[in-house]
């Protein structure tokens, strides 16, 4: 039976946080590095450094604890760590049905086709159909959930002059600030086109 590295990370973080330990040492893999990057970016971990012993690399994490004036730890930053999708029971979810943790105050770390990301980042991506072409590289896009968005061409699509026509299916990254706008980041291949 194989090892579950994600469960090992969660258990070691949970135990160190409950016992008010300052550092945690976990084995370094691509998956653990991506998860640790998200925890560092979201502010649950203070510092990360890579350590190597006997041709094995480890990540040494410094946990973030709040201290009072006397120097003792007052409260923890990590309240509840839980593994939802396990190797014995995989759980798949549509981006519209991703649950909100603590009413949007917590984070959910997901494994998607575009890599490891948080629930907020996963909600901002959608797939839609170009319905109308507008001037200056702008398009009207109908998402799979029937929302209409004003999409603009950006990044590699603009630099490589990739042609987008009405009827093409595209992947769009919805703006965090305006849910009616987004940038087109990828054109999906049509099965019947001769690309």
Protein backbone atom coordinates (compact mmCIF):
# COMPACT_ATOMS: atom_id res chain seq x y z
CA UNK A 1 0.00 0.00 0.00
CA UNK A 2 1.40 3.41 -0.99
CA UNK A 3 1.97 6.40 1.23
CA UNK A 4 -0.46 9.28 1.23
CA UNK A 5 1.84 12.31 1.23
CA UNK A 6 -0.99 14.85 1.51
CA UNK A 7 -2.37 13.14 4.63
CA UNK A 8 1.16 13.09 6.10
CA UNK A 9 1.51 16.84 5.51
CA UNK A 10 -1.87 17.58 7.06
CA UNK A 11 -1.18 15.40 10.10
CA UNK A 12 2.26 16.88 10.75
CA UNK A 13 0.95 20.46 10.38
CA UNK A 14 -2.04 19.76 12.62
CA UNK A 15 0.10 18.13 15.33
CA UNK A 16 2.74 20.87 15.27
CA UNK A 17 0.08 23.57 15.43
CA UNK A 18 -1.74 21.94 18.34
CA UNK A 19 1.51 21.48 20.29
CA UNK A 20 2.65 25.02 19.45
CA UNK A 21 5.79 23.85 17.66
CA UNK A 22 7.64 26.46 15.67
CA UNK A 23 8.87 24.33 12.76
CA UNK A 24 7.74 21.26 10.82
CA UNK A 25 9.86 19.07 8.56
CA UNK A 26 8.12 17.33 5.66
CA UNK A 27 9.45 15.40 2.64
CA UNK A 28 9.84 17.49 -0.51
CA UNK A 29 7.94 16.51 -3.66
CA UNK A 30 6.39 18.60 -6.43
CA UNK A 31 2.95 18.18 -4.87
CA UNK A 32 4.07 19.19 -1.38
CA UNK A 33 5.97 22.19 -2.74
CA UNK A 34 2.86 23.44 -4.54
CA UNK A 35 0.70 23.00 -1.44
CA UNK A 36 3.28 24.77 0.72
CA UNK A 37 3.46 27.67 -1.78
CA UNK A 38 -0.30 28.15 -1.41
CA UNK A 39 -0.12 28.01 2.40
CA UNK A 40 2.74 30.52 2.35
CA UNK A 41 0.90 32.85 -0.04
CA UNK A 42 -2.29 32.71 2.07
CA UNK A 43 -0.38 33.51 5.27
CA UNK A 44 -0.68 30.24 7.19
CA UNK A 45 3.08 29.63 7.10
CA UNK A 46 5.70 32.22 7.93
CA UNK A 47 8.76 30.82 6.15
CA UNK A 48 9.86 27.82 4.03
CA UNK A 49 13.37 26.57 3.37
CA UNK A 50 14.66 23.51 1.57
CA UNK A 51 16.98 21.19 3.46
CA UNK A 52 18.89 18.18 2.11
CA UNK A 53 20.13 15.15 4.07
CA UNK A 54 21.56 11.93 2.63
CA UNK A 55 20.35 12.67 -0.93
CA UNK A 56 16.80 13.30 0.35
CA UNK A 57 15.32 16.78 0.33
CA UNK A 58 12.99 18.11 3.00
CA UNK A 59 10.99 21.28 3.44
CA UNK A 60 11.32 22.99 6.81
CA UNK A 61 8.22 25.08 7.47
CA UNK A 62 8.05 27.83 10.09
CA UNK A 63 4.49 28.07 11.38
CA UNK A 64 2.86 31.40 12.07
CA UNK A 65 1.76 31.88 15.69
CA UNK A 66 0.56 35.07 17.32
CA UNK A 67 2.33 36.03 20.53
CA UNK A 68 1.32 38.27 23.40
CA UNK A 69 3.59 40.75 25.21
CA UNK A 70 4.94 38.12 27.59
CA UNK A 71 6.24 36.06 24.68
CA UNK A 72 3.90 33.07 24.99
CA UNK A 73 1.71 31.85 22.16
CA UNK A 74 -1.83 33.19 22.30
CA UNK A 75 -3.67 31.57 19.39
CA UNK A 76 -3.14 29.50 16.30
CA UNK A 77 -3.61 30.49 12.68
CA UNK A 78 -4.52 27.02 11.39
CA UNK A 79 -7.84 25.97 12.89
CA UNK A 80 -9.03 22.95 10.98
CA UNK A 81 -7.14 20.86 8.45
CA UNK A 82 -9.14 18.13 6.77
CA UNK A 83 -8.60 15.89 3.76
CA UNK A 84 -11.84 15.58 1.80
CA UNK A 85 -10.83 13.57 -1.25
CA UNK A 86 -8.87 10.48 -0.18
CA UNK A 87 -7.23 7.75 -2.28
CA UNK A 88 -10.02 5.37 -1.24
CA UNK A 89 -12.81 7.87 -1.96
CA UNK A 90 -12.19 10.47 -4.66
CA UNK A 91 -14.52 13.46 -4.73
CA UNK A 92 -14.92 15.46 -7.94
CA UNK A 93 -16.67 18.82 -8.10
CA UNK A 94 -17.85 21.26 -10.72
CA UNK A 95 -16.47 24.78 -10.33
CA UNK A 96 -19.98 26.03 -9.57
CA UNK A 97 -20.37 23.57 -6.66
CA UNK A 98 -17.07 24.16 -4.86
CA UNK A 99 -18.00 24.68 -1.18
CA UNK A 100 -17.08 27.87 0.66
CA UNK A 101 -15.06 27.25 3.80
CA UNK A 102 -16.04 29.39 6.83
CA UNK A 103 -18.21 31.59 4.62
CA UNK A 104 -15.30 32.46 2.32
CA UNK A 105 -12.83 33.19 5.13
CA UNK A 106 -11.01 29.83 4.83
CA UNK A 107 -9.36 28.22 1.83
CA UNK A 108 -9.85 24.95 0.02
CA UNK A 109 -6.84 23.57 -1.87
CA UNK A 110 -7.83 21.81 -5.10
CA UNK A 111 -6.02 19.72 -7.66
CA UNK A 112 -7.21 20.81 -11.10
CA UNK A 113 -6.13 20.25 -14.68
CA UNK A 114 -4.21 23.54 -14.45
CA UNK A 115 -2.36 22.51 -11.28
CA UNK A 116 -2.82 23.00 -7.54
CA UNK A 117 -4.86 26.11 -6.71
CA UNK A 118 -7.23 27.54 -4.13
CA UNK A 119 -11.00 27.51 -4.40
CA UNK A 120 -11.09 31.24 -5.19
CA UNK A 121 -8.74 30.81 -8.15
CA UNK A 122 -10.72 27.81 -9.44
CA UNK A 123 -14.02 29.74 -9.35
CA UNK A 124 -12.53 32.49 -11.50
CA UNK A 125 -11.97 30.21 -14.48
CA UNK A 126 -14.71 29.16 -16.85
CA UNK A 127 -15.28 27.69 -20.29
CA UNK A 128 -17.60 29.38 -22.75
CA UNK A 129 -18.65 29.89 -26.35
CA UNK A 130 -17.88 33.00 -28.42
CA UNK A 131 -21.23 34.42 -29.54
CA UNK A 132 -20.27 37.81 -30.94
CA UNK A 133 -17.09 39.51 -32.14
CA UNK A 134 -16.60 43.13 -31.03
CA UNK A 135 -13.91 45.66 -32.04
CA UNK A 136 -10.43 45.85 -30.45
CA UNK A 137 -10.05 42.17 -29.65
CA UNK A 138 -13.19 42.00 -27.50
CA UNK A 139 -15.74 39.19 -27.66
CA UNK A 140 -19.08 38.38 -26.07
CA UNK A 141 -18.76 34.95 -24.41
CA UNK A 142 -21.59 32.74 -23.13
CA UNK A 143 -20.33 30.53 -20.30
CA UNK A 144 -21.54 27.00 -19.68
CA UNK A 145 -23.74 28.29 -16.83
CA UNK A 146 -25.49 30.65 -19.34
CA UNK A 147 -23.84 33.84 -18.01
CA UNK A 148 -22.78 36.40 -20.62
CA UNK A 149 -19.29 37.91 -20.21
CA UNK A 150 -17.33 40.50 -22.13
CA UNK A 151 -13.99 38.80 -22.88
CA UNK A 152 -10.81 40.29 -24.27
CA UNK A 153 -7.84 38.59 -25.90
CA UNK A 154 -4.63 38.58 -23.88
CA UNK A 155 -1.31 36.90 -23.35
CA UNK A 156 -0.09 34.25 -25.75
CA UNK A 157 -3.26 34.41 -27.86
CA UNK A 158 -2.65 38.10 -28.60
CA UNK A 159 1.12 37.68 -29.14
CA UNK A 160 0.75 34.67 -31.43
CA UNK A 161 -2.15 36.19 -33.37
CA UNK A 162 -4.39 33.18 -32.75
CA UNK A 163 -7.63 33.71 -34.59
CA UNK A 164 -10.84 33.51 -32.57
CA UNK A 165 -14.16 33.43 -34.39
CA UNK A 166 -17.77 33.27 -33.23
CA UNK A 167 -18.61 29.65 -32.42
CA UNK A 168 -15.19 28.84 -30.90
CA UNK A 169 -15.02 27.44 -27.38
CA UNK A 170 -12.59 29.30 -25.15
CA UNK A 171 -11.28 29.16 -21.59
CA UNK A 172 -11.80 32.48 -19.85
CA UNK A 173 -10.40 33.85 -16.60
CA UNK A 174 -13.08 35.96 -14.94
CA UNK A 175 -11.98 39.21 -13.32
CA UNK A 176 -11.98 39.28 -9.52
CA UNK A 177 -13.28 42.83 -9.50
CA UNK A 178 -15.95 42.69 -12.21
CA UNK A 179 -17.75 39.39 -12.80
CA UNK A 180 -19.04 40.57 -16.19
CA UNK A 181 -15.54 40.84 -17.72
CA UNK A 182 -12.70 38.40 -18.24
CA UNK A 183 -9.69 37.61 -20.34
CA UNK A 184 -9.55 34.80 -22.87
CA UNK A 185 -6.54 32.65 -22.08
CA UNK A 186 -7.01 29.58 -24.29
CA UNK A 187 -8.93 28.51 -27.38
CA UNK A 188 -10.20 24.94 -27.13
CA UNK A 189 -9.89 22.76 -30.20
CA UNK A 190 -13.05 21.89 -32.09
CA UNK A 191 -13.25 18.22 -33.00
CA UNK A 192 -14.53 18.95 -36.50
CA UNK A 193 -12.01 21.73 -37.34
CA UNK A 194 -8.91 21.06 -39.46
CA UNK A 195 -6.38 22.67 -37.03
